[in-house]
C-alpha cells in the first residue's frame, strides 16, 4: 500500500522502494512484549529439559525390563511415543 502510493506519487516502480515498519509502543507494552519473549525462552528451555528427562526415564525403565506398553502407561503417553523416546 505504501509502496503503491510512493510509486504513484513519484512515478517510479514499486520495486524501487523498501518499506520498513518500526512499531513505537508505550513503555508498558514494551515491558509486556519483553516479558512474553522471556517466557517463550523459558518455555523452550523447559521443553528441552522435559525431552531430555523423558528420554532418560524411558531408557531407565526399559533397562529395568518394563515393556513399552508399561512405560507408556506410567508416563501417560502412547506406546509409539515411548518408542520415539527410546530411539
C-alpha atoms as a PDB file:
ATOM      1  CA  UNK A   1       0.000   0.000   0.000  1.00  0.00           C
ATOM      2  CA  UNK A   2       2.767   2.464   0.940  1.00  0.00           C
ATOM      3  CA  UNK A   3       4.924   1.302  -1.946  1.00  0.00           C
ATOM      4  CA  UNK A   4       1.974   1.712  -4.289  1.00  0.00           C
ATOM      5  CA  UNK A   5       1.345   5.279  -3.088  1.00  0.00           C
ATOM      6  CA  UNK A   6       5.027   6.197  -3.372  1.00  0.00           C
ATOM      7  CA  UNK A   7       5.138   4.695  -6.837  1.00  0.00           C
ATOM      8  CA  UNK A   8       2.162   6.758  -7.964  1.00  0.00           C
ATOM      9  CA  UNK A   9       3.371   9.989  -6.377  1.00  0.00           C
ATOM     10  CA  UNK A  10       6.952   9.761  -7.605  1.00  0.00           C
ATOM     11  CA  UNK A  11       6.275   7.950 -10.888  1.00  0.00           C
ATOM     12  CA  UNK A  12       8.750   5.181 -10.112  1.00  0.00           C
ATOM     13  CA  UNK A  13       8.209   1.422  -9.998  1.00  0.00           C
ATOM     14  CA  UNK A  14       7.200  -0.122  -6.683  1.00  0.00           C
ATOM     15  CA  UNK A  15      10.319  -2.279  -6.793  1.00  0.00           C
ATOM     16  CA  UNK A  16      12.398   0.898  -6.234  1.00  0.00           C
ATOM     17  CA  UNK A  17      11.008   1.262  -2.714  1.00  0.00           C
ATOM     18  CA  UNK A  18      11.663  -0.553   0.523  1.00  0.00           C
ATOM     19  CA  UNK A  19       9.250  -0.125   3.393  1.00  0.00           C
ATOM     20  CA  UNK A  20      10.344  -0.848   6.946  1.00  0.00           C
ATOM     21  CA  UNK A  21       7.781  -0.738   9.723  1.00  0.00           C
ATOM     22  CA  UNK A  22       9.169   0.082  13.150  1.00  0.00           C
ATOM     23  CA  UNK A  23       6.487  -0.137  15.831  1.00  0.00           C
ATOM     24  CA  UNK A  24       6.517   2.501  18.549  1.00  0.00           C
ATOM     25  CA  UNK A  25       4.948   1.034  21.679  1.00  0.00           C
ATOM     26  CA  UNK A  26       4.261   2.705  25.007  1.00  0.00           C
ATOM     27  CA  UNK A  27       6.648   1.680  27.784  1.00  0.00           C
ATOM     28  CA  UNK A  28       4.124  -0.591  29.496  1.00  0.00           C
ATOM     29  CA  UNK A  29       3.510  -2.548  26.304  1.00  0.00           C
ATOM     30  CA  UNK A  30       7.252  -2.758  25.611  1.00  0.00           C
ATOM     31  CA  UNK A  31       7.690  -4.362  29.039  1.00  0.00           C
ATOM     32  CA  UNK A  32       4.856  -6.804  28.357  1.00  0.00           C
ATOM     33  CA  UNK A  33       6.376  -7.756  24.990  1.00  0.00           C
ATOM     34  CA  UNK A  34       9.735  -8.339  26.708  1.00  0.00           C
ATOM     35  CA  UNK A  35       8.009 -10.493  29.336  1.00  0.00           C
ATOM     36  CA  UNK A  36       6.330 -12.602  26.656  1.00  0.00           C
ATOM     37  CA  UNK A  37       9.622 -13.086  24.810  1.00  0.00           C
ATOM     38  CA  UNK A  38      11.357 -14.091  28.047  1.00  0.00           C
ATOM     39  CA  UNK A  39       8.534 -16.529  28.822  1.00  0.00           C
ATOM     40  CA  UNK A  40       8.955 -18.091  25.375  1.00  0.00           C
ATOM     41  CA  UNK A  41      12.657 -18.626  26.054  1.00  0.00           C
ATOM     42  CA  UNK A  42      11.880 -20.232  29.428  1.00  0.00           C
ATOM     43  CA  UNK A  43       9.248 -22.440  27.777  1.00  0.00           C
ATOM     44  CA  UNK A  44      11.706 -23.627  25.127  1.00  0.00           C
ATOM     45  CA  UNK A  45      14.258 -24.416  27.835  1.00  0.00           C
ATOM     46  CA  UNK A  46      11.637 -26.318  29.864  1.00  0.00           C
ATOM     47  CA  UNK A  47      10.559 -28.284  26.780  1.00  0.00           C
ATOM     48  CA  UNK A  48      14.159 -29.246  26.048  1.00  0.00           C
ATOM     49  CA  UNK A  49      14.690 -30.361  29.657  1.00  0.00           C
ATOM     50  CA  UNK A  50      11.422 -32.328  29.576  1.00  0.00           C
ATOM     51  CA  UNK A  51      12.545 -34.106  26.402  1.00  0.00           C
ATOM     52  CA  UNK A  52      15.916 -34.989  27.959  1.00  0.00           C
ATOM     53  CA  UNK A  53      14.286 -36.227  31.165  1.00  0.00           C
ATOM     54  CA  UNK A  54      11.698 -38.229  29.217  1.00  0.00           C
ATOM     55  CA  UNK A  55      14.377 -39.954  27.142  1.00  0.00           C
ATOM     56  CA  UNK A  56      16.365 -40.736  30.285  1.00  0.00           C
ATOM     57  CA  UNK A  57      13.440 -42.216  32.226  1.00  0.00           C
ATOM     58  CA  UNK A  58      12.303 -44.263  29.236  1.00  0.00           C
ATOM     59  CA  UNK A  59      15.804 -45.711  28.925  1.00  0.00           C
ATOM     60  CA  UNK A  60      15.933 -46.454  32.659  1.00  0.00           C
ATOM     61  CA  UNK A  61      12.524 -48.117  32.774  1.00  0.00           C
ATOM     62  CA  UNK A  62      13.175 -50.150  29.639  1.00  0.00           C
ATOM     63  CA  UNK A  63      16.557 -51.243  31.056  1.00  0.00           C
ATOM     64  CA  UNK A  64      14.700 -52.432  34.156  1.00  0.00           C
ATOM     65  CA  UNK A  65      12.654 -54.716  31.937  1.00  0.00           C
ATOM     66  CA  UNK A  66       9.385 -52.814  31.639  1.00  0.00           C
ATOM     67  CA  UNK A  67       7.560 -53.192  28.357  1.00  0.00           C
ATOM     68  CA  UNK A  68       6.910 -50.301  26.025  1.00  0.00           C
ATOM     69  CA  UNK A  69       3.234 -50.524  26.947  1.00  0.00           C
ATOM     70  CA  UNK A  70       4.043 -50.414  30.687  1.00  0.00           C
ATOM     71  CA  UNK A  71       6.283 -47.377  30.262  1.00  0.00           C
ATOM     72  CA  UNK A  72       3.606 -45.685  28.170  1.00  0.00           C
ATOM     73  CA  UNK A  73       1.043 -46.234  30.914  1.00  0.00           C
ATOM     74  CA  UNK A  74       3.389 -44.900  33.602  1.00  0.00           C
ATOM     75  CA  UNK A  75       4.250 -41.772  31.592  1.00  0.00           C
ATOM     76  CA  UNK A  76       0.719 -41.298  30.238  1.00  0.00           C
ATOM     77  CA  UNK A  77       1.904 -41.311  26.623  1.00  0.00           C
ATOM     78  CA  UNK A  78       1.313 -43.643  23.717  1.00  0.00           C
ATOM     79  CA  UNK A  79       3.486 -46.686  23.132  1.00  0.00           C
ATOM     80  CA  UNK A  80       4.540 -45.052  19.875  1.00  0.00           C
ATOM     81  CA  UNK A  81       5.842 -42.052  21.836  1.00  0.00           C
ATOM     82  CA  UNK A  82       7.814 -44.330  24.138  1.00  0.00           C
ATOM     83  CA  UNK A  83       9.381 -45.944  21.069  1.00  0.00           C
ATOM     84  CA  UNK A  84      10.279 -42.499  19.722  1.00  0.00           C
ATOM     85  CA  UNK A  85      11.855 -41.501  23.029  1.00  0.00           C
ATOM     86  CA  UNK A  86      13.786 -44.766  23.178  1.00  0.00           C
ATOM     87  CA  UNK A  87      15.230 -44.332  19.683  1.00  0.00           C
END
